[in-house]
Amino acid sequence: MVLTASHIAPLVALIAGILILIIPRLLNYIVAIYLIVTGLVGLNGIYQFIN
């Protein structure tokens, strides 16, 4: 299985959701990291930073 940009966003969301359930205090950090990762994935889809 080859991981593409369309596979990364759901995996990050799943991991973030599990971490929020386990450690609610990390909510701010998890949301910030999620937004950064999804933004980078979206920009990669437009500008092809990583092939």
N, C-alpha and C. Protein backbone atom coordinates (compact mmCIF):
# COMPACT_ATOMS: atom_id res chain seq x y z
N MET A 1 0.85 -1.18 0.00
CA MET A 1 0.00 0.00 0.00
C MET A 1 0.89 1.24 0.00
N VAL A 2 0.61 2.15 -0.89
CA VAL A 2 1.36 3.39 -0.99
C VAL A 2 0.57 4.49 -0.30
N LEU A 3 1.22 5.20 0.64
CA LEU A 3 0.55 6.29 1.33
C LEU A 3 0.63 7.55 0.48
N THR A 4 -0.52 8.13 0.20
CA THR A 4 -0.58 9.38 -0.54
C THR A 4 -1.17 10.45 0.36
N ALA A 5 -1.28 11.66 -0.16
CA ALA A 5 -1.82 12.76 0.62
C ALA A 5 -3.26 12.48 1.06
N SER A 6 -4.01 11.75 0.24
CA SER A 6 -5.40 11.45 0.61
C SER A 6 -5.48 10.42 1.74
N HIS A 7 -4.40 9.69 2.00
CA HIS A 7 -4.38 8.74 3.11
C HIS A 7 -3.90 9.38 4.41
N ILE A 8 -3.10 10.42 4.32
CA ILE A 8 -2.48 10.99 5.51
C ILE A 8 -3.49 11.74 6.39
N ALA A 9 -4.35 12.54 5.80
CA ALA A 9 -5.29 13.35 6.58
C ALA A 9 -6.21 12.50 7.47
N PRO A 10 -6.84 11.43 6.94
CA PRO A 10 -7.67 10.61 7.83
C PRO A 10 -6.88 9.91 8.93
N LEU A 11 -5.66 9.49 8.63
CA LEU A 11 -4.83 8.85 9.66
C LEU A 11 -4.47 9.82 10.77
N VAL A 12 -4.12 11.04 10.39
CA VAL A 12 -3.79 12.06 11.40
C VAL A 12 -5.03 12.39 12.23
N ALA A 13 -6.18 12.49 11.60
CA ALA A 13 -7.41 12.78 12.33
C ALA A 13 -7.75 11.66 13.31
N LEU A 14 -7.56 10.41 12.90
CA LEU A 14 -7.84 9.27 13.77
C LEU A 14 -6.91 9.26 14.98
N ILE A 15 -5.62 9.46 14.74
CA ILE A 15 -4.65 9.49 15.84
C ILE A 15 -4.95 10.65 16.77
N ALA A 16 -5.27 11.82 16.22
CA ALA A 16 -5.58 12.99 17.04
C ALA A 16 -6.82 12.73 17.90
N GLY A 17 -7.84 12.12 17.33
CA GLY A 17 -9.05 11.82 18.09
C GLY A 17 -8.80 10.87 19.24
N ILE A 18 -7.99 9.86 18.99
CA ILE A 18 -7.66 8.90 20.06
C ILE A 18 -6.88 9.60 21.17
N LEU A 19 -5.89 10.43 20.79
CA LEU A 19 -5.11 11.13 21.81
C LEU A 19 -5.97 12.10 22.62
N ILE A 20 -6.93 12.75 21.98
CA ILE A 20 -7.82 13.67 22.71
C ILE A 20 -8.67 12.89 23.71
N LEU A 21 -9.13 11.70 23.33
CA LEU A 21 -9.91 10.89 24.26
C LEU A 21 -9.07 10.43 25.45
N ILE A 22 -7.81 10.10 25.19
CA ILE A 22 -6.95 9.59 26.26
C ILE A 22 -6.45 10.72 27.15
N ILE A 23 -5.98 11.81 26.53
CA ILE A 23 -5.39 12.92 27.30
C ILE A 23 -6.04 14.23 26.85
N PRO A 24 -7.17 14.62 27.46
CA PRO A 24 -7.88 15.83 27.03
C PRO A 24 -7.07 17.12 27.16
N ARG A 25 -6.06 17.15 28.04
CA ARG A 25 -5.26 18.36 28.21
C ARG A 25 -4.44 18.70 26.98
N LEU A 26 -4.22 17.73 26.11
CA LEU A 26 -3.42 17.96 24.91
C LEU A 26 -4.23 18.52 23.75
N LEU A 27 -5.49 18.88 23.99
CA LEU A 27 -6.38 19.30 22.92
C LEU A 27 -5.80 20.44 22.09
N ASN A 28 -5.30 21.48 22.73
CA ASN A 28 -4.77 22.63 22.00
C ASN A 28 -3.61 22.22 21.11
N TYR A 29 -2.69 21.43 21.63
CA TYR A 29 -1.53 21.01 20.85
C TYR A 29 -1.93 20.09 19.69
N ILE A 30 -2.86 19.18 19.96
CA ILE A 30 -3.29 18.24 18.93
C ILE A 30 -4.00 18.98 17.80
N VAL A 31 -4.86 19.93 18.15
CA VAL A 31 -5.55 20.71 17.11
C VAL A 31 -4.55 21.52 16.30
N ALA A 32 -3.59 22.13 16.96
CA ALA A 32 -2.58 22.93 16.25
C ALA A 32 -1.77 22.05 15.31
N ILE A 33 -1.32 20.90 15.77
CA ILE A 33 -0.54 19.99 14.93
C ILE A 33 -1.39 19.48 13.77
N TYR A 34 -2.64 19.16 14.05
CA TYR A 34 -3.54 18.68 12.99
C TYR A 34 -3.71 19.74 11.90
N LEU A 35 -3.92 20.98 12.31
CA LEU A 35 -4.09 22.05 11.32
C LEU A 35 -2.83 22.26 10.50
N ILE A 36 -1.68 22.19 11.13
CA ILE A 36 -0.42 22.34 10.40
C ILE A 36 -0.24 21.20 9.41
N VAL A 37 -0.48 19.97 9.85
CA VAL A 37 -0.29 18.82 8.96
C VAL A 37 -1.27 18.86 7.79
N THR A 38 -2.55 19.14 8.05
CA THR A 38 -3.51 19.18 6.95
C THR A 38 -3.22 20.33 6.00
N GLY A 39 -2.73 21.45 6.53
CA GLY A 39 -2.33 22.55 5.66
C GLY A 39 -1.16 22.17 4.78
N LEU A 40 -0.17 21.49 5.33
CA LEU A 40 0.97 21.04 4.53
C LEU A 40 0.56 20.01 3.48
N VAL A 41 -0.35 19.12 3.85
CA VAL A 41 -0.83 18.12 2.89
C VAL A 41 -1.58 18.81 1.76
N GLY A 42 -2.39 19.80 2.11
CA GLY A 42 -3.13 20.53 1.08
C GLY A 42 -2.21 21.31 0.16
N LEU A 43 -1.21 21.97 0.73
CA LEU A 43 -0.25 22.71 -0.09
C LEU A 43 0.57 21.76 -0.95
N ASN A 44 0.88 20.59 -0.42
CA ASN A 44 1.61 19.60 -1.21
C ASN A 44 0.79 19.16 -2.41
N GLY A 45 -0.51 19.05 -2.24
CA GLY A 45 -1.37 18.68 -3.35
C GLY A 45 -1.38 19.73 -4.44
N ILE A 46 -1.18 20.99 -4.07
CA ILE A 46 -1.18 22.07 -5.05
C ILE A 46 0.20 22.25 -5.67
N TYR A 47 1.23 22.33 -4.84
CA TYR A 47 2.56 22.69 -5.31
C TYR A 47 3.53 21.52 -5.48
N GLN A 48 3.13 20.32 -5.07
CA GLN A 48 3.94 19.11 -5.22
C GLN A 48 5.33 19.24 -4.59
N PHE A 49 5.37 19.62 -3.31
CA PHE A 49 6.64 19.70 -2.59
C PHE A 49 7.28 18.32 -2.47
N ILE A 50 6.45 17.33 -2.12
CA ILE A 50 6.92 15.95 -1.95
C ILE A 50 6.21 15.10 -3.00
N ASN A 51 6.97 14.35 -3.77
CA ASN A 51 6.35 13.52 -4.82
C ASN A 51 5.75 12.28 -4.28
